[in-house]
Amino acid sequence: MPRLAAALRGLAVAAAALMTVTAVPSSAAVGAEARTEPRSPAAGGPKAPEEFVALRDVDRTIIQEMRYFTPHNFMGVRVTGYRAPTCLVTRDTARALHRAQLSFLRRGYSLKVYDCYRPQRAVDHFVAWAKDLDDERMKAEFYPRVEKSALFRDGYIAEKSGHSRGSTVDLTLVRLPALPTRPYVPGEPLAACYGPKEVRFPDNSLDMGTGFDCFDTLAHTLDPRITGRQRANRLLLKDGLERAGFVNYASEWWHYTFTPETFPDTAFDFPVSRRSLGGR
């Protein structure tokens, strides 16, 4: 009987996640993504290899908050190459995320992705922005203690990104049932990404000690200044993802790469769009 009760509880958690994690059914989400894309034909543009999939087609329960499709990021504008708020990854990565998600659902949590595959043109946009030292509109939130001129030296911005290979994701954990996160309003007052959770920009995720994309040493996964519940939350995410085959980037608690990578030596530049999948 105890095993039966535990199994029923697990099914209840999964059912609740399906109702609360995915804001709209998959077909409606696909339509919403398509409406954000240019109407011009994409036949002449680069396409994703067959090994790429939309994460939502593999797991509908993982929350997607694609930050670079919005102005709520360290640049303050939508990033070049993000034509839809959708997560694209290699099929192996999507399946591994699904395995990790099932384990988290049983414990009352859901994964939430901030970024997945990132085209090279987006990385180029980051680099161009970093060289414009006059544009610091988002400094107060994302890099208040780092001079913009030091972003390359300190490794926060680089000319190549593992995200462009399709097996790297930026993500966090949300306790279920998931509460909504309000949209960012351009021009609103900014709070430091390393401040107390109640002061930082509101996020429905667990308190990880800093916000996503915080250019600060406090974002290092095992920084000794992160203690108590914040450290436990980071380790909860880390342990669950490592069991599914992911490796953490030590300087960013949110950054994980599935290994072995499907394309360990290839950076792609097709847009973030379901159309890049060629009708798959």
C-alpha atoms as a PDB file:
ATOM      1  CA  MET A   1       0.000   0.000   0.000  1.00  0.00           C
ATOM      2  CA  PRO A   2       2.747   2.567   0.756  1.00  0.00           C
ATOM      3  CA  ARG A   3       4.242   1.936  -2.698  1.00  0.00           C
ATOM      4  CA  LEU A   4       0.835   2.386  -4.327  1.00  0.00           C
ATOM      5  CA  ALA A   5       0.266   5.622  -2.430  1.00  0.00           C
ATOM      6  CA  ALA A   6       3.686   6.915  -3.492  1.00  0.00           C
ATOM      7  CA  ALA A   7       2.972   6.051  -7.109  1.00  0.00           C
ATOM      8  CA  LEU A   8      -0.364   7.852  -6.975  1.00  0.00           C
ATOM      9  CA  ARG A   9       1.306  10.918  -5.493  1.00  0.00           C
ATOM     10  CA  GLY A  10       3.830  10.875  -8.323  1.00  0.00           C
ATOM     11  CA  LEU A  11       1.064  10.720 -10.914  1.00  0.00           C
ATOM     12  CA  ALA A  12      -0.729  13.594  -9.203  1.00  0.00           C
ATOM     13  CA  VAL A  13       2.406  15.754  -9.324  1.00  0.00           C
ATOM     14  CA  ALA A  14       2.898  15.019 -13.009  1.00  0.00           C
ATOM     15  CA  ALA A  15      -0.734  15.788 -13.770  1.00  0.00           C
ATOM     16  CA  ALA A  16      -0.525  19.056 -11.863  1.00  0.00           C
ATOM     17  CA  ALA A  17       2.588  19.974 -13.802  1.00  0.00           C
ATOM     18  CA  LEU A  18       0.851  19.387 -17.109  1.00  0.00           C
ATOM     19  CA  MET A  19      -1.911  21.751 -16.046  1.00  0.00           C
ATOM     20  CA  THR A  20       0.278  24.444 -14.511  1.00  0.00           C
ATOM     21  CA  VAL A  21       3.657  24.377 -16.220  1.00  0.00           C
ATOM     22  CA  THR A  22       2.581  24.669 -19.827  1.00  0.00           C
ATOM     23  CA  ALA A  23       0.714  27.903 -20.281  1.00  0.00           C
ATOM     24  CA  VAL A  24      -0.898  26.868 -23.571  1.00  0.00           C
ATOM     25  CA  PRO A  25      -1.338  23.581 -25.404  1.00  0.00           C
ATOM     26  CA  SER A  26       1.473  22.613 -27.759  1.00  0.00           C
ATOM     27  CA  SER A  27      -0.465  23.417 -30.928  1.00  0.00           C
ATOM     28  CA  ALA A  28      -1.426  26.845 -29.626  1.00  0.00           C
ATOM     29  CA  ALA A  29       2.148  27.497 -28.559  1.00  0.00           C
ATOM     30  CA  VAL A  30       3.396  26.617 -32.014  1.00  0.00           C
ATOM     31  CA  GLY A  31       0.904  29.068 -33.515  1.00  0.00           C
ATOM     32  CA  ALA A  32       1.967  31.793 -31.113  1.00  0.00           C
ATOM     33  CA  GLU A  33       5.613  31.255 -32.010  1.00  0.00           C
ATOM     34  CA  ALA A  34       4.844  31.315 -35.716  1.00  0.00           C
ATOM     35  CA  ARG A  35       3.027  34.641 -35.393  1.00  0.00           C
ATOM     36  CA  THR A  36       6.190  36.257 -34.017  1.00  0.00           C
ATOM     37  CA  GLU A  37       8.284  35.288 -37.032  1.00  0.00           C
ATOM     38  CA  PRO A  38       8.726  37.234 -40.278  1.00  0.00           C
ATOM     39  CA  ARG A  39       6.203  36.358 -42.967  1.00  0.00           C
ATOM     40  CA  SER A  40       8.835  36.386 -45.708  1.00  0.00           C
ATOM     41  CA  PRO A  41       9.869  32.986 -47.073  1.00  0.00           C
ATOM     42  CA  ALA A  42      12.719  31.345 -45.183  1.00  0.00           C
ATOM     43  CA  ALA A  43      13.687  28.905 -47.939  1.00  0.00           C
ATOM     44  CA  GLY A  44      16.978  30.666 -48.609  1.00  0.00           C
ATOM     45  CA  GLY A  45      18.036  30.813 -44.958  1.00  0.00           C
ATOM     46  CA  PRO A  46      20.077  28.262 -43.052  1.00  0.00           C
ATOM     47  CA  LYS A  47      18.195  25.235 -41.711  1.00  0.00           C
ATOM     48  CA  ALA A  48      18.790  23.135 -38.632  1.00  0.00           C
ATOM     49  CA  PRO A  49      20.242  19.644 -39.071  1.00  0.00           C
ATOM     50  CA  GLU A  50      17.810  16.779 -38.560  1.00  0.00           C
ATOM     51  CA  GLU A  51      19.316  16.156 -35.133  1.00  0.00           C
ATOM     52  CA  PHE A  52      17.683  19.364 -33.810  1.00  0.00           C
ATOM     53  CA  VAL A  53      14.185  19.421 -32.296  1.00  0.00           C
ATOM     54  CA  ALA A  54      11.893  21.826 -30.485  1.00  0.00           C
ATOM     55  CA  LEU A  55      12.049  20.963 -26.780  1.00  0.00           C
ATOM     56  CA  ARG A  56       8.287  21.371 -26.497  1.00  0.00           C
ATOM     57  CA  ASP A  57       7.815  18.459 -28.922  1.00  0.00           C
ATOM     58  CA  VAL A  58       9.747  16.190 -26.553  1.00  0.00           C
ATOM     59  CA  ASP A  59       8.572  17.554 -23.193  1.00  0.00           C
ATOM     60  CA  ARG A  60       5.608  19.905 -22.875  1.00  0.00           C
ATOM     61  CA  THR A  61       5.979  20.326 -19.113  1.00  0.00           C
ATOM     62  CA  ILE A  62       9.322  22.139 -19.016  1.00  0.00           C
ATOM     63  CA  ILE A  63       8.690  25.850 -18.577  1.00  0.00           C
ATOM     64  CA  GLN A  64      10.185  28.102 -21.243  1.00  0.00           C
ATOM     65  CA  GLU A  65      11.068  31.718 -20.461  1.00  0.00           C
ATOM     66  CA  MET A  66      13.261  32.595 -23.404  1.00  0.00           C
ATOM     67  CA  ARG A  67      14.981  35.738 -22.173  1.00  0.00           C
ATOM     68  CA  TYR A  68      16.825  36.704 -25.357  1.00  0.00           C
ATOM     69  CA  PHE A  69      13.557  36.958 -27.270  1.00  0.00           C
ATOM     70  CA  THR A  70      12.635  39.722 -24.808  1.00  0.00           C
ATOM     71  CA  PRO A  71      14.376  42.958 -23.768  1.00  0.00           C
ATOM     72  CA  HIS A  72      14.907  41.588 -20.244  1.00  0.00           C
ATOM     73  CA  ASN A  73      18.550  40.645 -20.683  1.00  0.00           C
ATOM     74  CA  PHE A  74      21.935  42.263 -20.153  1.00  0.00           C
ATOM     75  CA  MET A  75      21.652  44.230 -23.427  1.00  0.00           C
ATOM     76  CA  GLY A  76      18.076  45.454 -22.931  1.00  0.00           C
ATOM     77  CA  VAL A  77      16.894  44.525 -26.453  1.00  0.00           C
ATOM     78  CA  ARG A  78      15.749  41.407 -28.271  1.00  0.00           C
ATOM     79  CA  VAL A  79      18.832  39.549 -29.456  1.00  0.00           C
ATOM     80  CA  THR A  80      19.505  39.058 -33.166  1.00  0.00           C
ATOM     81  CA  GLY A  81      18.501  35.598 -34.385  1.00  0.00           C
ATOM     82  CA  TYR A  82      15.688  34.984 -31.882  1.00  0.00           C
ATOM     83  CA  ARG A  83      12.608  34.987 -34.101  1.00  0.00           C
ATOM     84  CA  ALA A  84      10.388  33.037 -31.704  1.00  0.00           C
ATOM     85  CA  PRO A  85      10.338  32.340 -27.945  1.00  0.00           C
ATOM     86  CA  THR A  86      11.121  28.667 -28.373  1.00  0.00           C
ATOM     87  CA  CYS A  87      13.810  26.293 -27.154  1.00  0.00           C
ATOM     88  CA  LEU A  88      15.685  24.369 -29.850  1.00  0.00           C
ATOM     89  CA  VAL A  89      18.236  21.716 -28.891  1.00  0.00           C
ATOM     90  CA  THR A  90      19.674  18.497 -30.234  1.00  0.00           C
ATOM     91  CA  ARG A  91      17.411  15.481 -29.868  1.00  0.00           C
ATOM     92  CA  ASP A  92      19.783  13.826 -27.371  1.00  0.00           C
ATOM     93  CA  THR A  93      19.742  16.959 -25.223  1.00  0.00           C
ATOM     94  CA  ALA A  94      15.933  17.163 -25.316  1.00  0.00           C
ATOM     95  CA  ARG A  95      15.602  13.545 -24.241  1.00  0.00           C
ATOM     96  CA  ALA A  96      18.057  14.079 -21.389  1.00  0.00           C
ATOM     97  CA  LEU A  97      16.117  17.146 -20.236  1.00  0.00           C
ATOM     98  CA  HIS A  98      12.956  15.038 -20.312  1.00  0.00           C
ATOM     99  CA  ARG A  99      14.596  12.410 -18.083  1.00  0.00           C
ATOM    100  CA  ALA A 100      15.721  15.071 -15.630  1.00  0.00           C
ATOM    101  CA  GLN A 101      12.283  16.690 -15.688  1.00  0.00           C
ATOM    102  CA  LEU A 102      10.569  13.429 -14.732  1.00  0.00           C
ATOM    103  CA  SER A 103      12.796  13.131 -11.674  1.00  0.00           C
ATOM    104  CA  PHE A 104      12.110  16.730 -10.639  1.00  0.00           C
ATOM    105  CA  LEU A 105       8.352  16.404 -11.173  1.00  0.00           C
ATOM    106  CA  ARG A 106       8.260  13.513  -8.711  1.00  0.00           C
ATOM    107  CA  ARG A 107       9.724  15.881  -6.118  1.00  0.00           C
ATOM    108  CA  GLY A 108       7.357  18.748  -6.848  1.00  0.00           C
ATOM    109  CA  TYR A 109       9.598  20.856  -9.095  1.00  0.00           C
ATOM    110  CA  SER A 110       9.872  21.739 -12.781  1.00  0.00           C
ATOM    111  CA  LEU A 111      12.792  22.788 -14.904  1.00  0.00           C
ATOM    112  CA  LYS A 112      12.612  26.204 -16.557  1.00  0.00           C
ATOM    113  CA  VAL A 113      14.850  27.085 -19.510  1.00  0.00           C
ATOM    114  CA  TYR A 114      16.075  30.625 -20.130  1.00  0.00           C
ATOM    115  CA  ASP A 115      18.116  29.859 -23.257  1.00  0.00           C
ATOM    116  CA  CYS A 116      18.907  26.824 -25.396  1.00  0.00           C
ATOM    117  CA  TYR A 117      20.464  26.755 -28.872  1.00  0.00           C
ATOM    118  CA  ARG A 118      21.956  30.188 -29.644  1.00  0.00           C
ATOM    119  CA  PRO A 119      22.834  31.126 -33.244  1.00  0.00           C
ATOM    120  CA  GLN A 120      26.263  32.569 -34.004  1.00  0.00           C
ATOM    121  CA  ARG A 121      24.594  35.792 -35.134  1.00  0.00           C
ATOM    122  CA  ALA A 122      23.311  36.218 -31.569  1.00  0.00           C
ATOM    123  CA  VAL A 123      26.814  35.719 -30.195  1.00  0.00           C
ATOM    124  CA  ASP A 124      28.039  38.324 -32.684  1.00  0.00           C
ATOM    125  CA  HIS A 125      25.354  40.690 -31.349  1.00  0.00           C
ATOM    126  CA  PHE A 126      26.701  40.136 -27.809  1.00  0.00           C
ATOM    127  CA  VAL A 127      30.219  40.953 -28.972  1.00  0.00           C
ATOM    128  CA  ALA A 128      29.181  44.124 -30.799  1.00  0.00           C
ATOM    129  CA  TRP A 129      27.239  45.279 -27.742  1.00  0.00           C
ATOM    130  CA  ALA A 130      30.176  44.614 -25.419  1.00  0.00           C
ATOM    131  CA  LYS A 131      32.398  46.836 -27.563  1.00  0.00           C
ATOM    132  CA  ASP A 132      29.931  49.749 -27.297  1.00  0.00           C
ATOM    133  CA  LEU A 133      31.022  51.070 -23.913  1.00  0.00           C
ATOM    134  CA  ASP A 134      28.409  53.835 -23.938  1.00  0.00           C
ATOM    135  CA  ASP A 135      25.444  51.427 -23.807  1.00  0.00           C
ATOM    136  CA  GLU A 136      25.010  50.533 -20.148  1.00  0.00           C
ATOM    137  CA  ARG A 137      21.229  50.659 -19.884  1.00  0.00           C
ATOM    138  CA  MET A 138      21.056  47.298 -18.027  1.00  0.00           C
ATOM    139  CA  LYS A 139      24.225  47.627 -15.931  1.00  0.00           C
ATOM    140  CA  ALA A 140      22.392  48.221 -12.651  1.00  0.00           C
ATOM    141  CA  GLU A 141      20.801  44.764 -12.821  1.00  0.00           C
ATOM    142  CA  PHE A 142      23.168  42.459 -14.683  1.00  0.00           C
ATOM    143  CA  TYR A 143      26.727  43.751 -14.051  1.00  0.00           C
ATOM    144  CA  PRO A 144      26.677  46.467 -11.380  1.00  0.00           C
ATOM    145  CA  ARG A 145      30.111  45.531  -9.968  1.00  0.00           C
ATOM    146  CA  VAL A 146      31.864  44.853 -13.288  1.00  0.00           C
ATOM    147  CA  GLU A 147      33.135  47.484 -15.693  1.00  0.00           C
ATOM    148  CA  LYS A 148      31.790  46.885 -19.184  1.00  0.00           C
ATOM    149  CA  SER A 149      35.299  47.248 -20.586  1.00  0.00           C
ATOM    150  CA  ALA A 150      36.273  44.137 -18.576  1.00  0.00           C
ATOM    151  CA  LEU A 151      33.526  41.804 -19.845  1.00  0.00           C
ATOM    152  CA  PHE A 152      35.832  40.128 -22.400  1.00  0.00           C
ATOM    153  CA  ARG A 153      38.790  39.910 -20.012  1.00  0.00           C
ATOM    154  CA  ASP A 154      36.683  38.383 -17.257  1.00  0.00           C
ATOM    155  CA  GLY A 155      35.074  35.838 -19.578  1.00  0.00           C
ATOM    156  CA  TYR A 156      31.494  37.057 -19.431  1.00  0.00           C
ATOM    157  CA  ILE A 157      31.377  37.677 -23.187  1.00  0.00           C
ATOM    158  CA  ALA A 158      33.197  35.591 -25.820  1.00  0.00           C
ATOM    159  CA  GLU A 159      33.227  35.365 -29.599  1.00  0.00           C
ATOM    160  CA  LYS A 160      32.121  31.717 -29.527  1.00  0.00           C
ATOM    161  CA  SER A 161      29.521  29.956 -27.387  1.00  0.00           C
ATOM    162  CA  GLY A 162      28.828  26.307 -26.620  1.00  0.00           C
ATOM    163  CA  HIS A 163      25.140  27.169 -27.004  1.00  0.00           C
ATOM    164  CA  SER A 164      25.667  27.387 -30.766  1.00  0.00           C
ATOM    165  CA  ARG A 165      26.375  23.647 -30.891  1.00  0.00           C
ATOM    166  CA  GLY A 166      22.899  22.773 -29.611  1.00  0.00           C
ATOM    167  CA  SER A 167      23.679  20.761 -26.457  1.00  0.00           C
ATOM    168  CA  THR A 168      23.971  23.612 -23.931  1.00  0.00           C
ATOM    169  CA  VAL A 169      21.079  25.124 -21.974  1.00  0.00           C
ATOM    170  CA  ASP A 170      20.595  27.820 -19.343  1.00  0.00           C
ATOM    171  CA  LEU A 171      17.990  26.747 -16.807  1.00  0.00           C
ATOM    172  CA  THR A 172      16.696  26.749 -13.255  1.00  0.00           C
ATOM    173  CA  LEU A 173      14.081  25.072 -11.048  1.00  0.00           C
ATOM    174  CA  VAL A 174      10.540  26.187 -10.178  1.00  0.00           C
ATOM    175  CA  ARG A 175       8.440  24.827  -7.337  1.00  0.00           C
ATOM    176  CA  LEU A 176       5.022  23.555  -8.431  1.00  0.00           C
ATOM    177  CA  PRO A 177       2.413  24.786  -8.885  1.00  0.00           C
ATOM    178  CA  ALA A 178       4.293  27.408 -10.896  1.00  0.00           C
ATOM    179  CA  LEU A 179       3.375  31.003 -10.179  1.00  0.00           C
ATOM    180  CA  PRO A 180       3.478  33.461 -13.094  1.00  0.00           C
ATOM    181  CA  THR A 181       6.429  35.808 -13.592  1.00  0.00           C
ATOM    182  CA  ARG A 182       5.429  39.324 -14.562  1.00  0.00           C
ATOM    183  CA  PRO A 183       6.870  40.750 -17.783  1.00  0.00           C
ATOM    184  CA  TYR A 184       9.741  43.206 -17.678  1.00  0.00           C
ATOM    185  CA  VAL A 185       8.834  46.773 -18.626  1.00  0.00           C
ATOM    186  CA  PRO A 186      11.663  48.547 -20.498  1.00  0.00           C
ATOM    187  CA  GLY A 187      12.847  51.547 -18.541  1.00  0.00           C
ATOM    188  CA  GLU A 188      11.635  50.316 -15.167  1.00  0.00           C
ATOM    189  CA  PRO A 189      13.964  50.714 -12.150  1.00  0.00           C
ATOM    190  CA  LEU A 190      16.585  47.970 -11.985  1.00  0.00           C
ATOM    191  CA  ALA A 191      17.832  46.016  -8.965  1.00  0.00           C
ATOM    192  CA  ALA A 192      21.179  44.232  -8.658  1.00  0.00           C
ATOM    193  CA  CYS A 193      21.044  40.594  -9.760  1.00  0.00           C
ATOM    194  CA  TYR A 194      22.876  39.473  -6.607  1.00  0.00           C
ATOM    195  CA  GLY A 195      20.560  41.214  -4.128  1.00  0.00           C
ATOM    196  CA  PRO A 196      18.036  39.440  -1.878  1.00  0.00           C
ATOM    197  CA  LYS A 197      15.388  37.523  -3.814  1.00  0.00           C
ATOM    198  CA  GLU A 198      12.631  39.862  -2.629  1.00  0.00           C
ATOM    199  CA  VAL A 199      14.559  42.826  -4.075  1.00  0.00           C
ATOM    200  CA  ARG A 200      15.734  41.327  -7.394  1.00  0.00           C
ATOM    201  CA  PHE A 201      13.487  41.296 -10.463  1.00  0.00           C
ATOM    202  CA  PRO A 202      10.696  38.811  -9.611  1.00  0.00           C
ATOM    203  CA  ASP A 203      11.241  35.283 -10.899  1.00  0.00           C
ATOM    204  CA  ASN A 204       9.129  32.231 -10.088  1.00  0.00           C
ATOM    205  CA  SER A 205      12.250  30.075  -9.736  1.00  0.00           C
ATOM    206  CA  LEU A 206      13.876  28.813  -6.551  1.00  0.00           C
ATOM    207  CA  ASP A 207      16.263  31.256  -4.897  1.00  0.00           C
ATOM    208  CA  MET A 208      19.670  30.476  -6.396  1.00  0.00           C
ATOM    209  CA  GLY A 209      21.454  33.429  -4.789  1.00  0.00           C
ATOM    210  CA  THR A 210      21.577  35.495  -7.984  1.00  0.00           C
ATOM    211  CA  GLY A 211      19.378  36.016 -10.994  1.00  0.00           C
ATOM    212  CA  PHE A 212      20.036  34.503 -14.416  1.00  0.00           C
ATOM    213  CA  ASP A 213      22.899  36.036 -16.415  1.00  0.00           C
ATOM    214  CA  CYS A 214      24.330  37.773 -13.375  1.00  0.00           C
ATOM    215  CA  PHE A 215      27.831  38.916 -14.348  1.00  0.00           C
ATOM    216  CA  ASP A 216      29.290  38.478 -10.889  1.00  0.00           C
ATOM    217  CA  THR A 217      31.465  35.950  -9.066  1.00  0.00           C
ATOM    218  CA  LEU A 218      28.501  35.160  -6.794  1.00  0.00           C
ATOM    219  CA  ALA A 219      27.048  33.347  -9.817  1.00  0.00           C
ATOM    220  CA  HIS A 220      29.859  30.769  -9.641  1.00  0.00           C
ATOM    221  CA  THR A 221      28.042  27.531  -8.871  1.00  0.00           C
ATOM    222  CA  LEU A 222      29.989  26.640  -5.716  1.00  0.00           C
ATOM    223  CA  ASP A 223      30.965  30.134  -4.556  1.00  0.00           C
ATOM    224  CA  PRO A 224      31.497  29.727  -0.777  1.00  0.00           C
ATOM    225  CA  ARG A 225      29.519  32.869  -0.004  1.00  0.00           C
ATOM    226  CA  ILE A 226      26.363  31.140  -1.235  1.00  0.00           C
ATOM    227  CA  THR A 227      25.119  29.122   1.726  1.00  0.00           C
ATOM    228  CA  GLY A 228      21.982  27.668   3.290  1.00  0.00           C
ATOM    229  CA  ARG A 229      18.884  27.276   1.143  1.00  0.00           C
ATOM    230  CA  GLN A 230      20.441  29.058  -1.853  1.00  0.00           C
ATOM    231  CA  ARG A 231      23.328  26.581  -1.971  1.00  0.00           C
ATOM    232  CA  ALA A 232      20.951  23.656  -1.449  1.00  0.00           C
ATOM    233  CA  ASN A 233      18.864  24.834  -4.400  1.00  0.00           C
ATOM    234  CA  ARG A 234      21.927  25.044  -6.657  1.00  0.00           C
ATOM    235  CA  LEU A 235      23.000  21.559  -5.632  1.00  0.00           C
ATOM    236  CA  LEU A 236      19.487  20.205  -6.185  1.00  0.00           C
ATOM    237  CA  LEU A 237      19.599  21.444  -9.773  1.00  0.00           C
ATOM    238  CA  LYS A 238      23.182  20.275 -10.264  1.00  0.00           C
ATOM    239  CA  ASP A 239      22.623  16.775  -8.900  1.00  0.00           C
ATOM    240  CA  GLY A 240      19.471  16.189 -10.932  1.00  0.00           C
ATOM    241  CA  LEU A 241      21.045  17.367 -14.188  1.00  0.00           C
ATOM    242  CA  GLU A 242      24.305  15.484 -13.666  1.00  0.00           C
ATOM    243  CA  ARG A 243      22.324  12.265 -13.173  1.00  0.00           C
ATOM    244  CA  ALA A 244      20.821  12.900 -16.634  1.00  0.00           C
ATOM    245  CA  GLY A 245      24.231  13.382 -18.275  1.00  0.00           C
ATOM    246  CA  PHE A 246      24.785  17.143 -18.028  1.00  0.00           C
ATOM    247  CA  VAL A 247      27.973  18.943 -16.998  1.00  0.00           C
ATOM    248  CA  ASN A 248      27.886  22.316 -15.254  1.00  0.00           C
ATOM    249  CA  TYR A 249      29.993  25.342 -16.243  1.00  0.00           C
ATOM    250  CA  ALA A 250      31.489  26.291 -12.881  1.00  0.00           C
ATOM    251  CA  SER A 251      31.226  30.064 -13.424  1.00  0.00           C
ATOM    252  CA  GLU A 252      27.443  30.001 -14.022  1.00  0.00           C
ATOM    253  CA  TRP A 253      25.037  28.036 -11.833  1.00  0.00           C
ATOM    254  CA  TRP A 254      22.451  28.013 -14.660  1.00  0.00           C
ATOM    255  CA  HIS A 255      24.711  26.738 -17.507  1.00  0.00           C
ATOM    256  CA  TYR A 256      24.727  23.003 -18.384  1.00  0.00           C
ATOM    257  CA  THR A 257      25.932  20.984 -21.361  1.00  0.00           C
ATOM    258  CA  PHE A 258      24.737  17.476 -22.242  1.00  0.00           C
ATOM    259  CA  THR A 259      27.606  15.113 -23.010  1.00  0.00           C
ATOM    260  CA  PRO A 260      28.694  13.642 -25.265  1.00  0.00           C
ATOM    261  CA  GLU A 261      27.682  16.558 -27.493  1.00  0.00           C
ATOM    262  CA  THR A 262      26.000  15.697 -30.775  1.00  0.00           C
ATOM    263  CA  PHE A 263      28.048  18.392 -32.550  1.00  0.00           C
ATOM    264  CA  PRO A 264      31.163  18.944 -30.414  1.00  0.00           C
ATOM    265  CA  ASP A 265      33.004  20.981 -33.048  1.00  0.00           C
ATOM    266  CA  THR A 266      30.267  22.773 -35.017  1.00  0.00           C
ATOM    267  CA  ALA A 267      28.703  26.165 -34.302  1.00  0.00           C
ATOM    268  CA  PHE A 268      25.439  26.776 -36.174  1.00  0.00           C
ATOM    269  CA  ASP A 269      23.804  30.009 -37.303  1.00  0.00           C
ATOM    270  CA  PHE A 270      20.205  29.155 -38.242  1.00  0.00           C
ATOM    271  CA  PRO A 271      17.589  31.382 -36.499  1.00  0.00           C
ATOM    272  CA  VAL A 272      15.707  30.334 -33.368  1.00  0.00           C
ATOM    273  CA  SER A 273      12.445  29.451 -35.073  1.00  0.00           C
ATOM    274  CA  ARG A 274      10.337  26.365 -35.710  1.00  0.00           C
ATOM    275  CA  ARG A 275      10.707  27.183 -39.401  1.00  0.00           C
ATOM    276  CA  SER A 276      14.392  26.415 -39.064  1.00  0.00           C
ATOM    277  CA  LEU A 277      13.385  22.807 -38.413  1.00  0.00           C
ATOM    278  CA  GLY A 278      11.949  22.575 -41.927  1.00  0.00           C
ATOM    279  CA  GLY A 279       8.473  21.403 -40.978  1.00  0.00           C
ATOM    280  CA  ARG A 280       9.589  18.727 -38.496  1.00  0.00           C
END
